[in-house]
Protein backbone atom coordinates (compact mmCIF):
# COMPACT_ATOMS: atom_id res chain seq x y z
CA MET A 1 142.69 -5.07 -40.61
CA ASN A 2 140.50 -8.03 -40.32
CA ASN A 3 137.76 -5.84 -38.85
CA MET A 4 137.78 -3.56 -41.80
CA LYS A 5 137.45 -6.45 -44.16
CA MET A 6 134.51 -7.78 -42.23
CA LYS A 7 132.71 -4.46 -42.28
CA LYS A 8 133.27 -4.18 -46.05
CA ILE A 9 131.94 -7.65 -46.58
CA ASN A 10 128.83 -6.94 -44.45
CA PHE A 11 128.18 -3.71 -46.33
CA ILE A 12 128.40 -5.43 -49.68
CA ALA A 13 126.10 -8.22 -48.46
CA GLY A 14 123.57 -5.64 -47.26
CA LEU A 15 123.53 -3.93 -50.62
CA VAL A 16 122.97 -7.21 -52.41
CA LEU A 17 120.13 -8.13 -50.08
CA GLY A 18 118.48 -4.69 -50.46
CA ALA A 19 118.68 -4.93 -54.24
CA PHE A 20 117.00 -8.33 -54.12
CA VAL A 21 114.12 -7.14 -51.93
CA PHE A 22 113.60 -4.06 -54.09
CA SER A 23 113.40 -6.22 -57.17
CA LEU A 24 110.62 -8.21 -55.54
CA PHE A 25 108.33 -5.33 -54.40
CA ALA A 26 109.08 -2.71 -57.05
CA PRO A 27 106.44 -4.00 -59.54
CA MET A 28 103.73 -3.84 -56.86
CA VAL A 29 104.63 -0.37 -55.67
CA PHE A 30 105.16 1.28 -58.96
CA ALA A 31 102.48 -0.64 -60.91
CA THR A 32 99.50 1.28 -62.41
CA PRO A 33 96.36 1.01 -60.13
CA PRO A 34 93.31 -0.86 -61.56
CA ALA A 35 90.50 1.20 -62.95
CA ILE A 36 87.37 1.79 -60.66
CA LYS A 37 84.32 -0.24 -61.74
CA THR A 38 81.40 1.74 -63.09
CA GLY A 39 77.96 1.11 -64.63
CA ASP A 40 76.11 -2.18 -63.94
CA ASN A 41 78.49 -3.37 -61.25
CA LEU A 42 77.89 -0.23 -59.11
CA GLN A 43 74.10 -0.39 -59.60
CA ASP A 44 74.10 -4.05 -58.58
CA SER A 45 76.00 -3.21 -55.43
CA LEU A 46 73.54 -0.46 -54.52
CA THR A 47 70.59 -2.71 -55.24
CA GLN A 48 72.07 -5.39 -53.05
CA LEU A 49 72.60 -2.88 -50.26
CA ARG A 50 69.00 -1.71 -50.50
CA LYS A 51 67.79 -5.28 -50.52
CA ASP A 52 69.83 -6.12 -47.45
CA ARG A 53 68.49 -3.03 -45.73
CA ASP A 54 64.88 -3.90 -46.61
CA ASP A 55 65.37 -7.49 -45.52
CA PHE A 56 66.71 -6.25 -42.21
CA LYS A 57 63.70 -3.93 -41.75
CA ASN A 58 61.28 -6.71 -42.68
CA ASN A 59 62.92 -9.11 -40.27
CA LYS A 60 62.73 -6.55 -37.46
CA LEU A 61 59.09 -5.77 -38.32
CA GLN A 62 58.19 -9.47 -38.38
CA GLU A 63 59.91 -9.99 -35.07
CA LYS A 64 58.11 -6.98 -33.57
CA THR A 65 54.76 -8.15 -34.98
CA LYS A 66 55.36 -11.64 -33.67
CA ASN A 67 56.15 -10.29 -30.22
CA ALA A 68 53.07 -8.03 -30.32
CA ASN A 69 50.84 -10.91 -31.37
CA ALA A 70 52.25 -13.06 -28.60
CA THR A 71 51.54 -10.28 -26.09
CA LYS A 72 47.99 -9.87 -27.43
CA GLU A 73 47.40 -13.59 -27.12
CA LYS A 74 48.62 -13.54 -23.53
CA VAL A 75 46.39 -10.55 -22.71
CA ALA A 76 43.40 -12.17 -24.44
CA SER A 77 44.04 -15.40 -22.57
CA LYS A 78 44.22 -13.58 -19.24
CA ARG A 79 41.08 -11.61 -20.13
CA LYS A 80 39.23 -14.83 -20.87
CA LEU A 81 40.34 -16.26 -17.56
CA ILE A 82 39.19 -13.12 -15.74
CA GLU A 83 35.86 -13.12 -17.56
CA ALA A 84 35.36 -16.80 -16.77
CA LYS A 85 36.14 -16.11 -13.12
CA GLN A 86 33.76 -13.15 -13.07
CA GLU A 87 31.02 -15.25 -14.64
CA GLU A 88 31.63 -17.96 -12.06
CA LEU A 89 31.40 -15.41 -9.26
CA ARG A 90 28.25 -13.91 -10.79
CA LEU A 91 26.59 -17.31 -10.95
CA LYS A 92 27.55 -18.02 -7.35
CA LYS A 93 26.19 -14.63 -6.32
CA GLU A 94 22.92 -15.30 -8.15
CA GLU A 95 22.61 -18.70 -6.48
CA LYS A 96 23.26 -17.14 -3.10
CA ARG A 97 20.72 -14.41 -3.76
CA LYS A 98 18.20 -17.03 -4.84
CA ALA A 99 18.85 -19.07 -1.69
CA VAL A 100 18.42 -15.98 0.50
CA LEU A 101 15.16 -15.03 -1.22
CA VAL A 102 13.78 -18.56 -0.93
CA ARG A 103 14.75 -18.68 2.73
CA LEU A 104 13.12 -15.32 3.32
CA ILE A 105 9.87 -16.56 1.77
CA GLU A 106 9.98 -19.70 3.92
CA ILE A 107 10.42 -17.59 7.04
CA GLN A 108 7.43 -15.47 6.09
CA ILE A 109 5.30 -18.58 5.52
CA LYS A 110 6.35 -19.94 8.91
CA GLN A 111 5.52 -16.65 10.61
CA MET A 112 2.11 -16.61 8.95
CA GLU A 113 1.42 -20.13 10.21
CA ASN A 114 2.54 -19.14 13.71
CA THR A 115 0.21 -16.14 13.53
CA ARG A 116 -2.68 -18.44 12.58
CA GLU A 117 -2.00 -20.58 15.65
CA ARG A 118 -1.85 -17.53 17.90
CA VAL A 119 -5.14 -16.21 16.52
CA ALA A 120 -6.82 -19.55 17.22
CA LYS A 121 -5.72 -19.39 20.88
CA MET A 122 -6.79 -15.78 21.47
CA SER A 123 -9.81 -15.49 23.72
CA ASN A 124 -9.98 -11.71 23.65
CA ILE A 125 -10.98 -11.31 19.98
CA SER A 126 -14.27 -12.13 18.34
CA VAL A 127 -15.00 -15.23 16.27
CA GLU A 128 -15.83 -13.01 13.31
CA LEU A 129 -12.42 -11.33 13.48
CA LYS A 130 -10.72 -14.72 13.83
CA THR A 131 -12.43 -15.94 10.65
CA GLN A 132 -11.42 -12.77 8.80
CA LEU A 133 -7.80 -13.01 9.96
CA ASN A 134 -7.55 -16.71 9.07
CA ALA A 135 -8.81 -15.98 5.55
CA SER A 136 -6.20 -13.24 5.11
CA ILE A 137 -3.45 -15.53 6.43
CA ASP A 138 -4.45 -18.40 4.11
CA ALA A 139 -4.43 -16.07 1.10
CA ALA A 140 -1.02 -14.68 2.03
CA VAL A 141 0.45 -18.18 2.52
CA ALA A 142 -0.87 -19.27 -0.90
CA VAL A 143 0.75 -16.27 -2.61
CA LEU A 144 4.06 -16.80 -0.77
CA THR A 145 4.11 -20.47 -1.74
CA ALA A 146 3.63 -19.55 -5.41
CA LYS A 147 6.38 -16.93 -5.20
CA LYS A 148 8.72 -19.47 -3.65
CA ALA A 149 8.26 -21.75 -6.69
CA GLU A 150 8.97 -18.80 -9.00
CA ALA A 151 12.13 -17.95 -7.04
CA VAL A 152 13.43 -21.51 -7.33
CA ALA A 153 12.84 -21.47 -11.11
CA ALA A 154 14.25 -17.94 -11.67
CA ALA A 155 17.19 -17.91 -14.10
CA THR A 156 18.14 -14.24 -14.42
CA SER A 157 19.00 -11.45 -12.02
CA GLU A 158 16.12 -9.39 -13.40
CA GLN A 159 13.64 -12.09 -12.41
CA MET A 160 15.16 -12.23 -8.92
CA LYS A 161 14.91 -8.45 -8.52
CA GLU A 162 11.27 -8.45 -9.63
CA LEU A 163 10.42 -11.25 -7.20
CA ALA A 164 12.21 -9.42 -4.38
CA LYS A 165 10.01 -6.36 -5.02
CA GLU A 166 6.87 -8.49 -4.95
CA ILE A 167 7.91 -10.18 -1.70
CA LYS A 168 8.55 -6.76 -0.17
CA GLU A 169 5.01 -5.75 -1.06
CA LEU A 170 3.69 -8.94 0.54
CA PHE A 171 5.25 -7.89 3.83
CA LYS A 172 2.52 -5.24 4.02
CA THR A 173 -0.09 -7.99 4.22
CA LYS A 174 1.58 -9.40 7.30
CA ARG A 175 1.81 -5.94 8.86
CA ASP A 176 -1.91 -5.39 8.22
CA ILE A 177 -2.79 -8.69 9.88
CA VAL A 178 -0.61 -7.94 12.88
CA ARG A 179 -2.13 -4.46 13.14
CA GLN A 180 -5.65 -5.90 13.16
CA ILE A 181 -4.66 -8.36 15.90
CA VAL A 182 -3.04 -5.63 18.00
CA ASP A 183 -6.06 -3.34 17.55
CA ALA A 184 -8.39 -6.16 18.60
CA ILE A 185 -6.30 -6.92 21.69
CA LEU A 186 -6.13 -3.26 22.66
CA ALA A 187 -9.88 -2.88 22.14
CA SER A 188 -10.49 -5.90 24.35
CA ARG A 189 -8.22 -4.49 27.03
CA ALA A 190 -9.98 -1.13 26.78
CA ASP A 191 -13.36 -2.85 27.28
CA LYS A 192 -12.03 -4.69 30.34
CA ALA A 193 -10.59 -1.46 31.71
CA ILE A 194 -13.95 0.27 31.31
CA VAL A 195 -15.73 -2.61 33.10
CA ALA A 196 -13.18 -2.42 35.92
CA ALA A 197 -13.66 1.35 36.22
CA GLU A 198 -17.42 0.90 36.37
CA GLY A 199 -16.98 -1.68 39.11
CA ARG A 200 -14.84 0.73 41.08
CA LEU A 201 -17.41 3.48 40.55
CA THR A 202 -20.17 1.21 41.93
CA GLU A 203 -18.08 0.55 45.04
CA LEU A 204 -17.61 4.29 45.56
CA LYS A 205 -21.35 4.91 45.15
CA ALA A 206 -22.02 2.37 47.87
CA LYS A 207 -19.44 4.03 50.10
CA ILE A 208 -20.97 7.45 49.62
CA ALA A 209 -24.44 6.02 50.30
CA GLU A 210 -23.18 4.66 53.63
CA MET A 211 -21.71 8.04 54.48
CA LYS A 212 -25.03 9.71 53.70
CA ILE A 213 -26.84 7.29 55.96
CA ALA A 214 -24.34 8.15 58.68
CA GLY A 215 -25.30 11.80 58.24
CA GLN A 216 -22.01 12.93 56.65
CA ASP A 217 -21.75 15.73 54.11
CA THR A 218 -21.00 14.14 50.75
CA ALA A 219 -21.57 17.10 48.43
CA ALA A 220 -17.90 17.30 47.34
CA LEU A 221 -17.74 13.55 46.96
CA ASP A 222 -20.91 13.51 44.85
CA ASN A 223 -19.32 16.09 42.56
CA LEU A 224 -16.15 13.99 42.09
CA LEU A 225 -18.29 10.90 41.55
CA ALA A 226 -20.27 12.66 38.82
CA ILE A 227 -17.04 13.76 37.09
CA ALA A 228 -15.62 10.21 37.20
CA GLN A 229 -18.88 8.80 35.83
CA GLY A 230 -18.78 11.33 32.99
CA LYS A 231 -15.21 10.32 32.13
CA ILE A 232 -16.18 6.64 32.03
CA SER A 233 -19.10 7.44 29.73
CA ALA A 234 -16.73 9.40 27.46
CA ALA A 235 -14.35 6.41 27.43
CA LYS A 236 -17.22 4.16 26.27
CA THR A 237 -18.02 6.57 23.46
CA LYS A 238 -14.40 6.69 22.28
CA ALA A 239 -14.11 2.91 22.52
CA GLY A 240 -16.98 2.65 20.04
CA LYS A 241 -15.02 4.89 17.68
CA GLU A 242 -11.85 2.76 18.16
CA ASP A 243 -10.08 5.77 19.65
CA LEU A 244 -7.94 3.70 22.03
CA LYS A 245 -5.71 6.60 22.99
CA GLY A 246 -8.78 8.64 23.90
CA VAL A 247 -10.15 5.74 25.98
CA ILE A 248 -6.92 5.56 27.97
CA ASN A 249 -6.90 9.31 28.60
CA GLU A 250 -10.54 9.36 29.76
CA LEU A 251 -10.00 6.41 32.09
CA LYS A 252 -6.92 8.06 33.56
CA GLU A 253 -8.99 11.10 34.40
CA ALA A 254 -11.79 8.92 35.83
CA TYR A 255 -9.37 7.05 38.10
CA ARG A 256 -7.70 10.32 39.13
CA ASN A 257 -11.04 11.72 40.30
CA MET A 258 -11.95 8.46 42.04
CA LYS A 259 -8.62 8.51 43.84
CA ILE A 260 -9.24 12.06 45.07
CA LEU A 261 -12.74 10.98 46.10
CA MET A 262 -11.37 8.12 48.21
CA GLU A 263 -8.73 10.37 49.81
CA LYS A 264 -11.41 12.89 50.79
CA ALA A 265 -13.71 10.15 52.07
CA GLU A 266 -10.94 8.70 54.26
CA LYS A 267 -10.21 12.12 55.77
CA GLN A 268 -13.81 12.73 56.80
CA PRO A 269 -14.62 11.73 60.40
CA VAL A 270 -16.52 8.51 60.73
CA LEU A 271 -19.86 9.06 62.43
CA SER A 272 -21.77 6.33 64.13
CA PRO A 273 -25.02 5.74 62.31
CA PRO A 274 -28.10 6.82 64.26
CA PRO A 275 -30.07 4.00 65.81
CA ILE A 276 -32.75 2.60 63.63
CA SER A 277 -35.98 3.83 65.08
CA THR A 278 -39.10 1.78 65.23
CA PRO A 279 -41.33 3.27 62.60
CA PRO A 280 -44.69 4.56 63.67
CA VAL A 281 -47.57 2.68 62.24
CA SER A 282 -48.00 5.33 59.52
CA PHE A 283 -44.28 5.26 58.34
CA GLN A 284 -43.28 2.81 55.57
CA CYS A 285 -40.39 2.74 53.11
CA PRO A 286 -41.39 3.99 49.64
CA ALA A 287 -40.59 1.97 46.53
CA ALA A 288 -36.89 1.70 45.81
CA GLY A 289 -35.45 4.38 43.55
CA TYR A 290 -35.22 8.15 43.34
CA ILE A 291 -37.75 10.60 44.76
CA ASN A 292 -37.85 13.92 42.89
CA CYS A 293 -37.76 16.70 45.46
CA MET A 294 -36.54 19.37 43.07
CA PRO A 295 -38.31 22.74 43.51
CA VAL A 296 -41.33 23.35 41.29
CA VAL A 297 -42.94 26.61 40.29
CA LEU A 298 -46.45 26.76 41.80
CA GLN A 299 -49.21 28.76 40.27
CA PRO A 300 -51.05 31.24 42.47
CA GLY A 301 -53.38 29.34 44.79
CA GLU A 302 -51.56 25.99 44.26
CA THR A 303 -49.87 24.13 47.13
CA LEU A 304 -47.46 21.19 47.26
CA SER A 305 -49.28 17.93 47.93
CA ALA A 306 -49.09 16.64 51.48
CA GLU A 307 -47.50 13.39 50.28
CA MET A 308 -44.65 15.17 48.50
CA ALA A 309 -44.20 17.54 51.41
CA ASN A 310 -43.84 14.62 53.84
CA LEU A 311 -41.46 12.76 51.49
CA CYS A 312 -39.16 15.72 50.86
CA SER A 313 -39.02 17.29 54.34
CA GLY A 314 -39.92 16.76 57.92
CA GLU A 315 -39.87 13.76 60.21
CA TYR A 316 -40.95 11.20 57.57
CA HIS A 317 -38.26 12.44 55.21
CA GLN A 318 -35.59 11.99 57.90
CA TRP A 319 -36.95 8.54 58.78
CA ILE A 320 -36.72 7.42 55.13
CA LYS A 321 -33.10 8.62 54.87
CA ILE A 322 -32.16 6.57 57.94
CA ASN A 323 -34.17 3.43 57.38
CA CYS A 324 -34.61 3.04 53.61
CA SER A 325 -31.18 2.54 52.03
CA ASP A 326 -32.57 1.80 48.57
CA VAL A 327 -34.36 5.15 48.34
CA GLU A 328 -32.53 8.32 47.25
CA PHE A 329 -33.72 11.91 46.88
CA ALA A 330 -33.03 14.34 44.08
CA PHE A 331 -32.99 17.99 45.11
């Protein structure tokens, strides 16, 4: 019974509470909605939206431009640093090139001075050639000294390049001087070689003369001697024309023939010279030199003089060959 009363009371209380809440919210739920704004208010809102959008774009553009300018400034700064470094390296390179060029000129001057000293000490070149070479050396040293001053004062790479070309051309002067010295030395050596060959030829002539006195056959040796003498004469001719290679070749041939001559002479048996006979009262040595015993064509009725007949044949002829060493016969 009590429970039923309680339920009824709770139900009634719930209804009262629901009615109270409904009375509070009913005007809001069932009220007429406000009218939508139109006209100026809508246009202002759109304008504001556009303005906000444009401001946003402008801000982004300014930020992008600012970042781009900052990047450009960094790149420009780095470029300036690189250019400054490159310029520094270029200047160092130019200074180094200048120092090398100046040093090269100094070396050439020193070599020229050394060449002058060598020329002064050379005994195998003429005084005239020494004077000529010294004049060429002095002129070259003067030019090199002037070019050295220009190199020190040079300020641009173009000036350095031009000076380097000029110095290269000056090297030819040194080569010409050296060539003249070498040619003079070789010519002197060629002259000495010719004199030595002539001395050897004289010794061989004396040897052959002794063999003739001893009665040995020297026809083959005389032939080799004549060939060697011809080669020496040819060497003299080529020496006058400054054909040093030709001189060497001719002297080689001369010495080759003289060597063969000596080998043949050594192989021939050595004969004891005949005893020197006491000349009869009528036998005397003729004047030193050659006696021409070559055959002559006689006209009908002509005869060889008795003097020539005795000189070129017979007992007197044999006596002269044995006893008169400074007399030779040409047949």
